């Protein structure tokens, strides 16, 4: 089984246990899903979820009252468990956050839309949270990631984060 999927399963199990331990049982708990291919986030009540599994590169959420929700792992941007009311109000991003686009080509991380006069700390994390690489004073130049295995990574640039697959 793919190591990335195994890490994602462990992370999801840890998140579910933490949510169960820390949340108020009276509040409605929800799974909030943001994908790259959907215009609106999806919210599912945890009470309606029978199980969540990872199968062949897909997140499968088996529900009690309707067809399973199946999402390709490659399109997932966020999975949040919350007791907060889910609304259509979205956080506002800085102009740099909207313009920044990260891509990988020939093992190199490329950032388009970054203001090269601005310095930032760029950090690459594995999906299990390990810090793999840090570049202090990064100004938008390409970063060689060819030494890293093909996997999904989290890129942190100051207070911004992005998910990329190499």
Protein backbone atom coordinates (compact mmCIF):
# COMPACT_ATOMS: atom_id res chain seq x y z
CA UNK A 1 0.00 0.00 0.00
CA UNK A 2 1.24 3.45 -0.81
CA UNK A 3 3.11 5.12 2.12
CA UNK A 4 1.30 8.39 1.52
CA UNK A 5 -2.06 6.68 1.97
CA UNK A 6 -0.82 4.95 5.14
CA UNK A 7 0.35 8.30 6.54
CA UNK A 8 -2.96 9.90 5.60
CA UNK A 9 -4.84 7.11 7.39
CA UNK A 10 -2.77 7.55 10.56
CA UNK A 11 -3.21 11.31 10.45
CA UNK A 12 -6.97 11.01 9.95
CA UNK A 13 -7.26 8.50 12.80
CA UNK A 14 -5.31 10.83 15.11
CA UNK A 15 -7.49 13.78 14.12
CA UNK A 16 -10.69 11.79 14.74
CA UNK A 17 -9.46 10.71 18.19
CA UNK A 18 -8.47 14.25 19.10
CA UNK A 19 -11.81 15.63 17.96
CA UNK A 20 -13.70 12.99 19.93
CA UNK A 21 -11.68 13.77 23.06
CA UNK A 22 -11.78 17.56 22.85
CA UNK A 23 -15.19 18.55 21.49
CA UNK A 24 -18.42 19.16 23.31
CA UNK A 25 -20.82 16.29 22.66
CA UNK A 26 -23.79 18.71 22.52
CA UNK A 27 -22.43 20.65 19.53
CA UNK A 28 -22.96 19.25 16.07
CA UNK A 29 -19.64 18.02 14.79
CA UNK A 30 -18.96 18.35 11.08
CA UNK A 31 -16.44 17.29 8.51
CA UNK A 32 -15.65 20.25 6.28
CA UNK A 33 -14.06 19.33 2.91
CA UNK A 34 -12.39 21.70 0.44
CA UNK A 35 -11.28 20.34 -2.95
CA UNK A 36 -9.50 21.90 -5.90
CA UNK A 37 -12.29 20.93 -8.31
CA UNK A 38 -15.31 22.24 -6.35
CA UNK A 39 -16.39 25.85 -6.15
CA UNK A 40 -18.00 25.46 -2.73
CA UNK A 41 -16.77 23.53 0.32
CA UNK A 42 -18.80 20.54 1.45
CA UNK A 43 -19.98 19.97 5.04
CA UNK A 44 -21.08 16.59 6.38
CA UNK A 45 -22.36 15.95 9.88
CA UNK A 46 -20.14 13.44 11.72
CA UNK A 47 -23.33 11.76 12.93
CA UNK A 48 -24.10 10.89 9.28
CA UNK A 49 -20.71 9.27 8.63
CA UNK A 50 -20.56 5.49 9.02
CA UNK A 51 -16.89 5.22 8.07
CA UNK A 52 -14.07 6.89 6.17
CA UNK A 53 -11.61 4.85 4.13
CA UNK A 54 -8.79 5.37 1.66
CA UNK A 55 -9.15 3.18 -1.41
CA UNK A 56 -7.08 3.32 -4.60
CA UNK A 57 -6.16 7.01 -4.32
CA UNK A 58 -9.65 8.03 -3.17
CA UNK A 59 -11.15 9.20 0.11
CA UNK A 60 -14.44 7.34 0.52
CA UNK A 61 -16.88 8.71 3.10
CA UNK A 62 -19.66 6.16 3.69
CA UNK A 63 -22.80 7.95 4.85
CA UNK A 64 -25.88 6.66 6.69
CA UNK A 65 -28.49 8.47 4.61
CA UNK A 66 -27.15 8.71 1.03
CA UNK A 67 -24.62 7.48 -1.48
CA UNK A 68 -20.95 7.47 -0.42
CA UNK A 69 -18.93 10.60 -1.03
CA UNK A 70 -15.85 9.67 -3.10
CA UNK A 71 -13.08 12.22 -3.62
CA UNK A 72 -9.68 11.80 -5.33
CA UNK A 73 -6.90 12.40 -2.78
CA UNK A 74 -5.08 14.57 -5.31
CA UNK A 75 -7.93 17.12 -5.24
CA UNK A 76 -8.16 17.45 -1.45
CA UNK A 77 -7.05 20.83 -0.11
CA UNK A 78 -8.48 20.72 3.41
CA UNK A 79 -10.23 18.32 5.76
CA UNK A 80 -11.44 20.08 8.91
CA UNK A 81 -13.39 18.63 11.79
CA UNK A 82 -15.32 21.36 13.56
CA UNK A 83 -18.24 22.14 15.82
CA UNK A 84 -18.51 25.64 14.34
CA UNK A 85 -21.38 26.61 12.11
CA UNK A 86 -20.33 26.19 8.48
CA UNK A 87 -21.28 29.23 6.44
CA UNK A 88 -20.54 30.61 3.01
CA UNK A 89 -18.25 33.22 4.56
CA UNK A 90 -14.67 32.60 3.54
CA UNK A 91 -11.42 33.95 4.92
CA UNK A 92 -9.85 36.73 2.89
CA UNK A 93 -6.35 36.16 1.57
CA UNK A 94 -3.63 38.69 1.03
CA UNK A 95 -2.96 39.74 -2.59
CA UNK A 96 0.23 37.63 -2.60
CA UNK A 97 -1.69 34.53 -1.51
CA UNK A 98 -4.10 34.84 -4.44
CA UNK A 99 -1.36 35.38 -7.00
CA UNK A 100 1.03 32.69 -5.77
CA UNK A 101 0.97 29.45 -7.77
CA UNK A 102 3.33 26.56 -7.00
CA UNK A 103 4.19 23.89 -9.57
CA UNK A 104 6.81 21.17 -9.88
CA UNK A 105 8.63 20.52 -13.13
CA UNK A 106 11.66 18.23 -13.52
CA UNK A 107 11.96 17.92 -9.74
CA UNK A 108 12.07 21.69 -9.16
CA UNK A 109 9.49 23.70 -7.22
CA UNK A 110 8.55 26.81 -9.20
CA UNK A 111 6.58 29.75 -7.81
CA UNK A 112 4.80 32.12 -10.14
CA UNK A 113 3.19 35.30 -8.89
CA UNK A 114 5.63 35.85 -6.02
CA UNK A 115 7.00 39.37 -5.46
CA UNK A 116 10.78 38.73 -5.82
CA UNK A 117 11.56 41.80 -3.70
CA UNK A 118 9.91 40.08 -0.73
CA UNK A 119 11.89 37.61 1.41
CA UNK A 120 10.13 34.74 3.16
CA UNK A 121 10.87 31.47 4.90
CA UNK A 122 9.90 28.50 2.71
CA UNK A 123 9.52 25.12 4.41
CA UNK A 124 8.68 21.74 2.89
CA UNK A 125 6.84 19.26 5.16
CA UNK A 126 5.88 15.62 4.65
CA UNK A 127 2.22 14.71 5.15
CA UNK A 128 3.10 13.29 8.57
CA UNK A 129 4.39 16.71 9.65
CA UNK A 130 8.15 16.21 9.38
CA UNK A 131 10.13 19.27 8.27
CA UNK A 132 12.17 18.14 5.25
CA UNK A 133 13.64 21.38 3.93
CA UNK A 134 13.79 25.03 4.97
CA UNK A 135 14.97 27.95 2.84
CA UNK A 136 15.42 31.16 4.83
CA UNK A 137 15.24 34.40 2.86
CA UNK A 138 13.53 32.76 -0.12
CA UNK A 139 12.60 35.30 -2.84
CA UNK A 140 10.67 33.13 -5.29
CA UNK A 141 13.58 31.30 -6.90
CA UNK A 142 13.13 27.65 -7.97
CA UNK A 143 13.93 25.05 -5.30
CA UNK A 144 15.40 21.64 -6.17
CA UNK A 145 13.17 18.89 -4.71
CA UNK A 146 14.54 16.08 -6.87
CA UNK A 147 16.14 14.41 -3.82
CA UNK A 148 12.67 13.89 -2.29
CA UNK A 149 10.64 10.79 -3.21
CA UNK A 150 7.45 11.15 -5.23
CA UNK A 151 4.75 12.01 -2.68
CA UNK A 152 2.41 14.75 -1.52
CA UNK A 153 4.09 17.59 0.37
CA UNK A 154 2.95 20.66 2.28
CA UNK A 155 4.76 23.88 1.42
CA UNK A 156 4.74 26.65 4.01
CA UNK A 157 5.70 30.17 2.94
CA UNK A 158 5.49 32.46 5.96
CA UNK A 159 1.83 32.10 7.03
CA UNK A 160 0.64 30.61 3.69
CA UNK A 161 0.43 26.87 2.95
CA UNK A 162 -0.06 24.85 -0.20
CA UNK A 163 -0.23 21.16 -1.06
CA UNK A 164 1.84 19.85 -3.95
CA UNK A 165 2.51 16.41 -5.39
CA UNK A 166 5.94 15.48 -6.69
